């Protein structure tokens, strides 16, 4: 499993609109092949900062299956205009033997 981490900086004064748009957009990502789960977290100290965590079955499920899909265009239309600057997305995998919970 792969963890996509997207730190999101939302334009000042647009947090409520972003969150409302995300509620719609999350249906898109959740319908994609290879999607496992997601969560959106808001920073307590800086309310225009968020982190989006998405779990995918594989890197290809995100980079090819989602990003090259027609559904990604809808995702972009709903969300990308809120970001300043545009986020740098990273992908992580668990370190064997170092997972708790």
PDB file of N, CA and C in Angstrom:
ATOM      1  N   UNK A   1       0.838  -1.171   0.000  1.00  0.00           N
ATOM      2  CA  UNK A   1       0.000   0.000   0.000  1.00  0.00           C
ATOM      3  C   UNK A   1       0.889   1.242   0.000  1.00  0.00           C
ATOM      4  N   UNK A   2       0.406   2.281  -0.670  1.00  0.00           N
ATOM      5  CA  UNK A   2       1.124   3.545  -0.800  1.00  0.00           C
ATOM      6  C   UNK A   2       0.322   4.633  -0.111  1.00  0.00           C
ATOM      7  N   UNK A   3       1.004   5.529   0.605  1.00  0.00           N
ATOM      8  CA  UNK A   3       0.369   6.680   1.220  1.00  0.00           C
ATOM      9  C   UNK A   3       0.759   7.927   0.437  1.00  0.00           C
ATOM     10  N   UNK A   4      -0.232   8.570  -0.149  1.00  0.00           N
ATOM     11  CA  UNK A   4      -0.036   9.859  -0.820  1.00  0.00           C
ATOM     12  C   UNK A   4      -0.208  10.943   0.232  1.00  0.00           C
ATOM     13  N   UNK A   5       0.747  11.863   0.313  1.00  0.00           N
ATOM     14  CA  UNK A   5       0.698  12.971   1.262  1.00  0.00           C
ATOM     15  C   UNK A   5       0.733  14.266   0.464  1.00  0.00           C
ATOM     16  N   UNK A   6      -0.342  15.063   0.615  1.00  0.00           N
ATOM     17  CA  UNK A   6      -0.443  16.332  -0.102  1.00  0.00           C
ATOM     18  C   UNK A   6      -0.658  17.450   0.911  1.00  0.00           C
ATOM     19  N   UNK A   7       0.394  18.241   1.212  1.00  0.00           N
ATOM     20  CA  UNK A   7       0.208  19.412   2.073  1.00  0.00           C
ATOM     21  C   UNK A   7      -0.463  20.515   1.250  1.00  0.00           C
ATOM     22  N   UNK A   8      -1.582  21.013   1.735  1.00  0.00           N
ATOM     23  CA  UNK A   8      -2.386  21.962   0.967  1.00  0.00           C
ATOM     24  C   UNK A   8      -2.427  23.325   1.658  1.00  0.00           C
ATOM     25  N   UNK A   9      -2.050  24.355   0.935  1.00  0.00           N
ATOM     26  CA  UNK A   9      -2.162  25.737   1.391  1.00  0.00           C
ATOM     27  C   UNK A   9      -3.351  26.347   0.661  1.00  0.00           C
ATOM     28  N   UNK A  10      -4.418  26.634   1.389  1.00  0.00           N
ATOM     29  CA  UNK A  10      -5.629  27.186   0.788  1.00  0.00           C
ATOM     30  C   UNK A  10      -5.565  28.714   0.879  1.00  0.00           C
ATOM     31  N   UNK A  11      -5.971  29.370  -0.182  1.00  0.00           N
ATOM     32  CA  UNK A  11      -5.957  30.834  -0.212  1.00  0.00           C
ATOM     33  C   UNK A  11      -6.726  31.400   0.984  1.00  0.00           C
ATOM     34  N   UNK A  12      -6.212  32.479   1.534  1.00  0.00           N
ATOM     35  CA  UNK A  12      -6.821  33.117   2.704  1.00  0.00           C
ATOM     36  C   UNK A  12      -8.285  33.444   2.430  1.00  0.00           C
ATOM     37  N   UNK A  13      -9.125  33.148   3.412  1.00  0.00           N
ATOM     38  CA  UNK A  13     -10.538  33.446   3.315  1.00  0.00           C
ATOM     39  C   UNK A  13     -11.357  32.450   2.526  1.00  0.00           C
ATOM     40  N   UNK A  14     -10.727  31.367   2.035  1.00  0.00           N
ATOM     41  CA  UNK A  14     -11.446  30.407   1.206  1.00  0.00           C
ATOM     42  C   UNK A  14     -11.553  29.017   1.833  1.00  0.00           C
ATOM     43  N   UNK A  15     -11.247  28.907   3.114  1.00  0.00           N
ATOM     44  CA  UNK A  15     -11.249  27.594   3.765  1.00  0.00           C
ATOM     45  C   UNK A  15     -12.632  26.944   3.728  1.00  0.00           C
ATOM     46  N   UNK A  16     -13.667  27.697   4.040  1.00  0.00           N
ATOM     47  CA  UNK A  16     -15.020  27.118   4.065  1.00  0.00           C
ATOM     48  C   UNK A  16     -15.435  26.645   2.678  1.00  0.00           C
ATOM     49  N   UNK A  17     -15.134  27.433   1.655  1.00  0.00           N
ATOM     50  CA  UNK A  17     -15.468  27.046   0.281  1.00  0.00           C
ATOM     51  C   UNK A  17     -14.676  25.828  -0.150  1.00  0.00           C
ATOM     52  N   UNK A  18     -13.389  25.783   0.249  1.00  0.00           N
ATOM     53  CA  UNK A  18     -12.562  24.625  -0.070  1.00  0.00           C
ATOM     54  C   UNK A  18     -13.136  23.363   0.561  1.00  0.00           C
ATOM     55  N   UNK A  19     -13.484  23.430   1.828  1.00  0.00           N
ATOM     56  CA  UNK A  19     -14.013  22.255   2.518  1.00  0.00           C
ATOM     57  C   UNK A  19     -15.315  21.773   1.881  1.00  0.00           C
ATOM     58  N   UNK A  20     -16.167  22.702   1.480  1.00  0.00           N
ATOM     59  CA  UNK A  20     -17.418  22.319   0.813  1.00  0.00           C
ATOM     60  C   UNK A  20     -17.132  21.650  -0.528  1.00  0.00           C
ATOM     61  N   UNK A  21     -16.163  22.180  -1.280  1.00  0.00           N
ATOM     62  CA  UNK A  21     -15.796  21.577  -2.560  1.00  0.00           C
ATOM     63  C   UNK A  21     -15.170  20.209  -2.353  1.00  0.00           C
ATOM     64  N   UNK A  22     -14.390  20.064  -1.288  1.00  0.00           N
ATOM     65  CA  UNK A  22     -13.759  18.772  -1.029  1.00  0.00           C
ATOM     66  C   UNK A  22     -14.797  17.699  -0.738  1.00  0.00           C
ATOM     67  N   UNK A  23     -15.856  18.052  -0.026  1.00  0.00           N
ATOM     68  CA  UNK A  23     -16.918  17.080   0.259  1.00  0.00           C
ATOM     69  C   UNK A  23     -17.450  16.499  -1.053  1.00  0.00           C
ATOM     70  N   UNK A  24     -17.584  17.325  -2.080  1.00  0.00           N
ATOM     71  CA  UNK A  24     -18.022  16.838  -3.389  1.00  0.00           C
ATOM     72  C   UNK A  24     -16.914  16.035  -4.070  1.00  0.00           C
ATOM     73  N   UNK A  25     -15.699  16.572  -4.042  1.00  0.00           N
ATOM     74  CA  UNK A  25     -14.582  15.960  -4.767  1.00  0.00           C
ATOM     75  C   UNK A  25     -14.193  14.598  -4.210  1.00  0.00           C
ATOM     76  N   UNK A  26     -14.373  14.388  -2.912  1.00  0.00           N
ATOM     77  CA  UNK A  26     -13.944  13.113  -2.324  1.00  0.00           C
ATOM     78  C   UNK A  26     -14.707  11.932  -2.911  1.00  0.00           C
ATOM     79  N   UNK A  27     -15.898  12.173  -3.417  1.00  0.00           N
ATOM     80  CA  UNK A  27     -16.648  11.091  -4.070  1.00  0.00           C
ATOM     81  C   UNK A  27     -15.924  10.611  -5.331  1.00  0.00           C
ATOM     82  N   UNK A  28     -15.270  11.551  -5.990  1.00  0.00           N
ATOM     83  CA  UNK A  28     -14.538  11.209  -7.220  1.00  0.00           C
ATOM     84  C   UNK A  28     -13.378  10.276  -6.890  1.00  0.00           C
ATOM     85  N   UNK A  29     -12.541  10.695  -5.966  1.00  0.00           N
ATOM     86  CA  UNK A  29     -11.349   9.898  -5.663  1.00  0.00           C
ATOM     87  C   UNK A  29     -11.735   8.546  -5.069  1.00  0.00           C
ATOM     88  N   UNK A  30     -12.782   8.522  -4.245  1.00  0.00           N
ATOM     89  CA  UNK A  30     -13.189   7.271  -3.606  1.00  0.00           C
ATOM     90  C   UNK A  30     -13.730   6.253  -4.598  1.00  0.00           C
ATOM     91  N   UNK A  31     -14.102   6.707  -5.782  1.00  0.00           N
ATOM     92  CA  UNK A  31     -14.645   5.794  -6.794  1.00  0.00           C
ATOM     93  C   UNK A  31     -13.570   5.204  -7.707  1.00  0.00           C
ATOM     94  N   UNK A  32     -12.323   5.612  -7.537  1.00  0.00           N
ATOM     95  CA  UNK A  32     -11.265   5.207  -8.457  1.00  0.00           C
ATOM     96  C   UNK A  32     -10.718   3.820  -8.139  1.00  0.00           C
ATOM     97  N   UNK A  33     -10.404   3.039  -9.171  1.00  0.00           N
ATOM     98  CA  UNK A  33      -9.759   1.742  -8.939  1.00  0.00           C
ATOM     99  C   UNK A  33      -8.437   1.928  -8.192  1.00  0.00           C
ATOM    100  N   UNK A  34      -8.183   1.088  -7.221  1.00  0.00           N
ATOM    101  CA  UNK A  34      -6.939   1.160  -6.464  1.00  0.00           C
ATOM    102  C   UNK A  34      -6.999   2.073  -5.256  1.00  0.00           C
ATOM    103  N   UNK A  35      -8.095   2.810  -5.094  1.00  0.00           N
ATOM    104  CA  UNK A  35      -8.277   3.669  -3.931  1.00  0.00           C
ATOM    105  C   UNK A  35      -8.555   2.789  -2.709  1.00  0.00           C
ATOM    106  N   UNK A  36      -7.955   3.151  -1.568  1.00  0.00           N
ATOM    107  CA  UNK A  36      -8.181   2.413  -0.325  1.00  0.00           C
ATOM    108  C   UNK A  36      -8.926   3.292   0.687  1.00  0.00           C
ATOM    109  N   UNK A  37      -8.387   4.475   0.994  1.00  0.00           N
ATOM    110  CA  UNK A  37      -9.011   5.366   1.959  1.00  0.00           C
ATOM    111  C   UNK A  37      -8.382   6.752   1.857  1.00  0.00           C
ATOM    112  N   UNK A  38      -9.028   7.722   2.516  1.00  0.00           N
ATOM    113  CA  UNK A  38      -8.454   9.064   2.564  1.00  0.00           C
ATOM    114  C   UNK A  38      -8.902   9.786   3.822  1.00  0.00           C
ATOM    115  N   UNK A  39      -8.177  10.844   4.139  1.00  0.00           N
ATOM    116  CA  UNK A  39      -8.592  11.754   5.199  1.00  0.00           C
ATOM    117  C   UNK A  39      -8.008  13.132   4.912  1.00  0.00           C
ATOM    118  N   UNK A  40      -8.785  14.140   5.259  1.00  0.00           N
ATOM    119  CA  UNK A  40      -8.355  15.527   5.134  1.00  0.00           C
ATOM    120  C   UNK A  40      -8.260  16.096   6.534  1.00  0.00           C
ATOM    121  N   UNK A  41      -7.102  16.637   6.880  1.00  0.00           N
ATOM    122  CA  UNK A  41      -6.874  17.204   8.204  1.00  0.00           C
ATOM    123  C   UNK A  41      -6.577  18.701   8.071  1.00  0.00           C
ATOM    124  N   UNK A  42      -7.157  19.511   8.975  1.00  0.00           N
ATOM    125  CA  UNK A  42      -6.903  20.958   9.017  1.00  0.00           C
ATOM    126  C   UNK A  42      -5.940  21.252  10.156  1.00  0.00           C
ATOM    127  N   UNK A  43      -4.989  22.129   9.911  1.00  0.00           N
ATOM    128  CA  UNK A  43      -4.016  22.532  10.924  1.00  0.00           C
ATOM    129  C   UNK A  43      -4.699  23.416  11.970  1.00  0.00           C
ATOM    130  N   UNK A  44      -4.473  23.143  13.232  1.00  0.00           N
ATOM    131  CA  UNK A  44      -5.067  23.928  14.307  1.00  0.00           C
ATOM    132  C   UNK A  44      -4.414  25.305  14.446  1.00  0.00           C
ATOM    133  N   UNK A  45      -3.105  25.367  14.243  1.00  0.00           N
ATOM    134  CA  UNK A  45      -2.394  26.635  14.401  1.00  0.00           C
ATOM    135  C   UNK A  45      -2.546  27.562  13.197  1.00  0.00           C
ATOM    136  N   UNK A  46      -2.667  26.987  12.016  1.00  0.00           N
ATOM    137  CA  UNK A  46      -2.757  27.770  10.768  1.00  0.00           C
ATOM    138  C   UNK A  46      -3.948  27.245   9.975  1.00  0.00           C
ATOM    139  N   UNK A  47      -5.143  27.824  10.167  1.00  0.00           N
ATOM    140  CA  UNK A  47      -6.378  27.238   9.633  1.00  0.00           C
ATOM    141  C   UNK A  47      -6.496  27.192   8.112  1.00  0.00           C
ATOM    142  N   UNK A  48      -5.580  27.800   7.382  1.00  0.00           N
ATOM    143  CA  UNK A  48      -5.604  27.680   5.918  1.00  0.00           C
ATOM    144  C   UNK A  48      -4.688  26.567   5.425  1.00  0.00           C
ATOM    145  N   UNK A  49      -4.103  25.814   6.355  1.00  0.00           N
ATOM    146  CA  UNK A  49      -3.233  24.697   5.996  1.00  0.00           C
ATOM    147  C   UNK A  49      -3.952  23.381   6.259  1.00  0.00           C
ATOM    148  N   UNK A  50      -3.834  22.480   5.299  1.00  0.00           N
ATOM    149  CA  UNK A  50      -4.443  21.158   5.386  1.00  0.00           C
ATOM    150  C   UNK A  50      -3.414  20.127   4.957  1.00  0.00           C
ATOM    151  N   UNK A  51      -3.687  18.888   5.292  1.00  0.00           N
ATOM    152  CA  UNK A  51      -2.933  17.783   4.719  1.00  0.00           C
ATOM    153  C   UNK A  51      -3.956  16.744   4.262  1.00  0.00           C
ATOM    154  N   UNK A  52      -3.789  16.314   3.029  1.00  0.00           N
ATOM    155  CA  UNK A  52      -4.626  15.261   2.466  1.00  0.00           C
ATOM    156  C   UNK A  52      -3.804  13.983   2.434  1.00  0.00           C
ATOM    157  N   UNK A  53      -4.335  12.942   3.056  1.00  0.00           N
ATOM    158  CA  UNK A  53      -3.692  11.630   3.080  1.00  0.00           C
ATOM    159  C   UNK A  53      -4.586  10.660   2.323  1.00  0.00           C
ATOM    160  N   UNK A  54      -4.028  10.035   1.296  1.00  0.00           N
ATOM    161  CA  UNK A  54      -4.791   9.074   0.506  1.00  0.00           C
ATOM    162  C   UNK A  54      -3.997   7.783   0.437  1.00  0.00           C
ATOM    163  N   UNK A  55      -4.651   6.692   0.740  1.00  0.00           N
ATOM    164  CA  UNK A  55      -4.017   5.380   0.638  1.00  0.00           C
ATOM    165  C   UNK A  55      -4.454   4.735  -0.668  1.00  0.00           C
ATOM    166  N   UNK A  56      -3.476   4.261  -1.411  1.00  0.00           N
ATOM    167  CA  UNK A  56      -3.683   3.613  -2.704  1.00  0.00           C
ATOM    168  C   UNK A  56      -3.096   2.220  -2.656  1.00  0.00           C
ATOM    169  N   UNK A  57      -3.638   1.329  -3.451  1.00  0.00           N
ATOM    170  CA  UNK A  57      -3.077  -0.019  -3.555  1.00  0.00           C
ATOM    171  C   UNK A  57      -1.674   0.007  -4.151  1.00  0.00           C
ATOM    172  N   UNK A  58      -1.413   0.971  -5.047  1.00  0.00           N
ATOM    173  CA  UNK A  58      -0.107   1.060  -5.704  1.00  0.00           C
ATOM    174  C   UNK A  58       0.137   2.501  -6.152  1.00  0.00           C
ATOM    175  N   UNK A  59       1.375   2.805  -6.448  1.00  0.00           N
ATOM    176  CA  UNK A  59       1.723   4.121  -6.986  1.00  0.00           C
ATOM    177  C   UNK A  59       1.028   4.341  -8.322  1.00  0.00           C
ATOM    178  N   UNK A  60       0.944   3.300  -9.140  1.00  0.00           N
ATOM    179  CA  UNK A  60       0.312   3.407 -10.453  1.00  0.00           C
ATOM    180  C   UNK A  60      -1.178   3.726 -10.349  1.00  0.00           C
ATOM    181  N   UNK A  61      -1.834   3.229  -9.299  1.00  0.00           N
ATOM    182  CA  UNK A  61      -3.257   3.527  -9.120  1.00  0.00           C
ATOM    183  C   UNK A  61      -3.474   5.033  -8.996  1.00  0.00           C
ATOM    184  N   UNK A  62      -2.551   5.720  -8.352  1.00  0.00           N
ATOM    185  CA  UNK A  62      -2.668   7.175  -8.222  1.00  0.00           C
ATOM    186  C   UNK A  62      -2.139   7.897  -9.455  1.00  0.00           C
ATOM    187  N   UNK A  63      -0.892   7.617  -9.809  1.00  0.00           N
ATOM    188  CA  UNK A  63      -0.219   8.380 -10.855  1.00  0.00           C
ATOM    189  C   UNK A  63      -0.795   8.131 -12.256  1.00  0.00           C
ATOM    190  N   UNK A  64      -1.232   6.930 -12.526  1.00  0.00           N
ATOM    191  CA  UNK A  64      -1.763   6.599 -13.852  1.00  0.00           C
ATOM    192  C   UNK A  64      -3.284   6.487 -13.799  1.00  0.00           C
ATOM    193  N   UNK A  65      -3.781   5.600 -12.939  1.00  0.00           N
ATOM    194  CA  UNK A  65      -5.211   5.338 -12.887  1.00  0.00           C
ATOM    195  C   UNK A  65      -6.034   6.565 -12.567  1.00  0.00           C
ATOM    196  N   UNK A  66      -5.614   7.354 -11.580  1.00  0.00           N
ATOM    197  CA  UNK A  66      -6.374   8.544 -11.207  1.00  0.00           C
ATOM    198  C   UNK A  66      -5.953   9.760 -12.018  1.00  0.00           C
ATOM    199  N   UNK A  67      -4.678  10.082 -12.005  1.00  0.00           N
ATOM    200  CA  UNK A  67      -4.227  11.334 -12.633  1.00  0.00           C
ATOM    201  C   UNK A  67      -4.405  11.369 -14.146  1.00  0.00           C
ATOM    202  N   UNK A  68      -4.509  10.224 -14.775  1.00  0.00           N
ATOM    203  CA  UNK A  68      -4.704  10.211 -16.224  1.00  0.00           C
ATOM    204  C   UNK A  68      -6.151   9.884 -16.599  1.00  0.00           C
ATOM    205  N   UNK A  69      -7.041   9.973 -15.623  1.00  0.00           N
ATOM    206  CA  UNK A  69      -8.444   9.651 -15.879  1.00  0.00           C
ATOM    207  C   UNK A  69      -9.267  10.908 -16.171  1.00  0.00           C
ATOM    208  N   UNK A  70     -10.406  10.758 -16.849  1.00  0.00           N
ATOM    209  CA  UNK A  70     -11.312  11.892 -17.036  1.00  0.00           C
ATOM    210  C   UNK A  70     -11.819  12.439 -15.698  1.00  0.00           C
ATOM    211  N   UNK A  71     -11.947  11.584 -14.696  1.00  0.00           N
ATOM    212  CA  UNK A  71     -12.408  12.020 -13.383  1.00  0.00           C
ATOM    213  C   UNK A  71     -11.439  13.009 -12.734  1.00  0.00           C
ATOM    214  N   UNK A  72     -10.146  12.870 -13.057  1.00  0.00           N
ATOM    215  CA  UNK A  72      -9.159  13.795 -12.499  1.00  0.00           C
ATOM    216  C   UNK A  72      -9.424  15.221 -12.974  1.00  0.00           C
ATOM    217  N   UNK A  73      -9.940  15.387 -14.169  1.00  0.00           N
ATOM    218  CA  UNK A  73     -10.266  16.732 -14.660  1.00  0.00           C
ATOM    219  C   UNK A  73     -11.363  17.362 -13.807  1.00  0.00           C
ATOM    220  N   UNK A  74     -12.324  16.564 -13.369  1.00  0.00           N
ATOM    221  CA  UNK A  74     -13.371  17.070 -12.476  1.00  0.00           C
ATOM    222  C   UNK A  74     -12.775  17.450 -11.117  1.00  0.00           C
ATOM    223  N   UNK A  75     -11.895  16.612 -10.598  1.00  0.00           N
ATOM    224  CA  UNK A  75     -11.198  16.873  -9.336  1.00  0.00           C
ATOM    225  C   UNK A  75     -10.463  18.209  -9.420  1.00  0.00           C
ATOM    226  N   UNK A  76      -9.707  18.390 -10.492  1.00  0.00           N
ATOM    227  CA  UNK A  76      -8.959  19.629 -10.688  1.00  0.00           C
ATOM    228  C   UNK A  76      -9.890  20.841 -10.712  1.00  0.00           C
ATOM    229  N   UNK A  77     -10.973  20.727 -11.442  1.00  0.00           N
ATOM    230  CA  UNK A  77     -11.915  21.838 -11.562  1.00  0.00           C
ATOM    231  C   UNK A  77     -12.505  22.214 -10.202  1.00  0.00           C
ATOM    232  N   UNK A  78     -12.786  21.232  -9.380  1.00  0.00           N
ATOM    233  CA  UNK A  78     -13.362  21.496  -8.063  1.00  0.00           C
ATOM    234  C   UNK A  78     -12.367  22.085  -7.069  1.00  0.00           C
ATOM    235  N   UNK A  79     -11.095  21.663  -7.130  1.00  0.00           N
ATOM    236  CA  UNK A  79     -10.173  21.960  -6.032  1.00  0.00           C
ATOM    237  C   UNK A  79      -8.943  22.799  -6.356  1.00  0.00           C
ATOM    238  N   UNK A  80      -8.382  22.680  -7.525  1.00  0.00           N
ATOM    239  CA  UNK A  80      -7.054  23.239  -7.748  1.00  0.00           C
ATOM    240  C   UNK A  80      -6.983  24.759  -7.651  1.00  0.00           C
ATOM    241  N   UNK A  81      -8.066  25.453  -7.884  1.00  0.00           N
ATOM    242  CA  UNK A  81      -8.024  26.922  -7.814  1.00  0.00           C
ATOM    243  C   UNK A  81      -7.937  27.452  -6.377  1.00  0.00           C
ATOM    244  N   UNK A  82      -8.075  26.581  -5.376  1.00  0.00           N
ATOM    245  CA  UNK A  82      -7.970  26.999  -3.979  1.00  0.00           C
ATOM    246  C   UNK A  82      -6.523  27.068  -3.491  1.00  0.00           C
ATOM    247  N   UNK A  83      -5.573  26.441  -4.189  1.00  0.00           N
ATOM    248  CA  UNK A  83      -4.226  26.262  -3.664  1.00  0.00           C
ATOM    249  C   UNK A  83      -3.292  27.405  -4.055  1.00  0.00           C
ATOM    250  N   UNK A  84      -2.529  27.879  -3.057  1.00  0.00           N
ATOM    251  CA  UNK A  84      -1.490  28.879  -3.297  1.00  0.00           C
ATOM    252  C   UNK A  84      -0.411  28.701  -2.252  1.00  0.00           C
ATOM    253  N   UNK A  85       0.740  28.143  -2.617  1.00  0.00           N
ATOM    254  CA  UNK A  85       1.136  27.641  -3.934  1.00  0.00           C
ATOM    255  C   UNK A  85       0.538  26.253  -4.189  1.00  0.00           C
ATOM    256  N   UNK A  86       0.753  25.774  -5.401  1.00  0.00           N
ATOM    257  CA  UNK A  86       0.262  24.448  -5.746  1.00  0.00           C
ATOM    258  C   UNK A  86       1.061  23.408  -4.961  1.00  0.00           C
ATOM    259  N   UNK A  87       0.400  22.392  -4.413  1.00  0.00           N
ATOM    260  CA  UNK A  87       1.096  21.440  -3.538  1.00  0.00           C
ATOM    261  C   UNK A  87       2.072  20.517  -4.268  1.00  0.00           C
ATOM    262  N   UNK A  88       3.091  20.130  -3.531  1.00  0.00           N
ATOM    263  CA  UNK A  88       4.013  19.094  -3.970  1.00  0.00           C
ATOM    264  C   UNK A  88       3.569  17.812  -3.276  1.00  0.00           C
ATOM    265  N   UNK A  89       3.148  16.839  -4.051  1.00  0.00           N
ATOM    266  CA  UNK A  89       2.628  15.582  -3.525  1.00  0.00           C
ATOM    267  C   UNK A  89       3.759  14.561  -3.435  1.00  0.00           C
ATOM    268  N   UNK A  90       3.800  13.836  -2.330  1.00  0.00           N
ATOM    269  CA  UNK A  90       4.804  12.792  -2.146  1.00  0.00           C
ATOM    270  C   UNK A  90       4.098  11.477  -1.853  1.00  0.00           C
ATOM    271  N   UNK A  91       4.813  10.382  -2.118  1.00  0.00           N
ATOM    272  CA  UNK A  91       4.275   9.036  -1.884  1.00  0.00           C
ATOM    273  C   UNK A  91       5.201   8.294  -0.935  1.00  0.00           C
ATOM    274  N   UNK A  92       4.597   7.553  -0.002  1.00  0.00           N
ATOM    275  CA  UNK A  92       5.352   6.848   1.023  1.00  0.00           C
ATOM    276  C   UNK A  92       4.903   5.397   1.093  1.00  0.00           C
ATOM    277  N   UNK A  93       5.818   4.561   1.567  1.00  0.00           N
ATOM    278  CA  UNK A  93       5.472   3.181   1.870  1.00  0.00           C
ATOM    279  C   UNK A  93       5.946   2.873   3.271  1.00  0.00           C
ATOM    280  N   UNK A  94       5.250   1.977   3.947  1.00  0.00           N
ATOM    281  CA  UNK A  94       5.589   1.631   5.310  1.00  0.00           C
ATOM    282  C   UNK A  94       6.952   0.957   5.386  1.00  0.00           C
ATOM    283  N   UNK A  95       7.668   1.256   6.441  1.00  0.00           N
ATOM    284  CA  UNK A  95       8.937   0.608   6.711  1.00  0.00           C
ATOM    285  C   UNK A  95       8.626  -0.694   7.446  1.00  0.00           C
ATOM    286  N   UNK A  96       9.061  -1.803   6.888  1.00  0.00           N
ATOM    287  CA  UNK A  96       8.760  -3.111   7.461  1.00  0.00           C
ATOM    288  C   UNK A  96       9.265  -3.199   8.894  1.00  0.00           C
ATOM    289  N   UNK A  97       8.398  -3.633   9.788  1.00  0.00           N
ATOM    290  CA  UNK A  97       8.748  -3.769  11.187  1.00  0.00           C
ATOM    291  C   UNK A  97       8.604  -2.492  11.988  1.00  0.00           C
ATOM    292  N   UNK A  98       8.218  -1.389  11.350  1.00  0.00           N
ATOM    293  CA  UNK A  98       8.118  -0.096  12.040  1.00  0.00           C
ATOM    294  C   UNK A  98       6.708   0.474  11.998  1.00  0.00           C
ATOM    295  N   UNK A  99       5.717  -0.405  12.004  1.00  0.00           N
ATOM    296  CA  UNK A  99       4.318   0.029  11.979  1.00  0.00           C
ATOM    297  C   UNK A  99       3.665  -0.426  13.271  1.00  0.00           C
ATOM    298  N   UNK A 100       3.000   0.507  13.939  1.00  0.00           N
ATOM    299  CA  UNK A 100       2.331   0.178  15.202  1.00  0.00           C
ATOM    300  C   UNK A 100       0.844   0.429  15.091  1.00  0.00           C
ATOM    301  N   UNK A 101       0.198   0.312  16.194  1.00  0.00           N
ATOM    302  CA  UNK A 101      -1.205   0.681  16.214  1.00  0.00           C
ATOM    303  C   UNK A 101      -2.072  -0.434  16.569  1.00  0.00           C
TER     304      UNK A 101
END
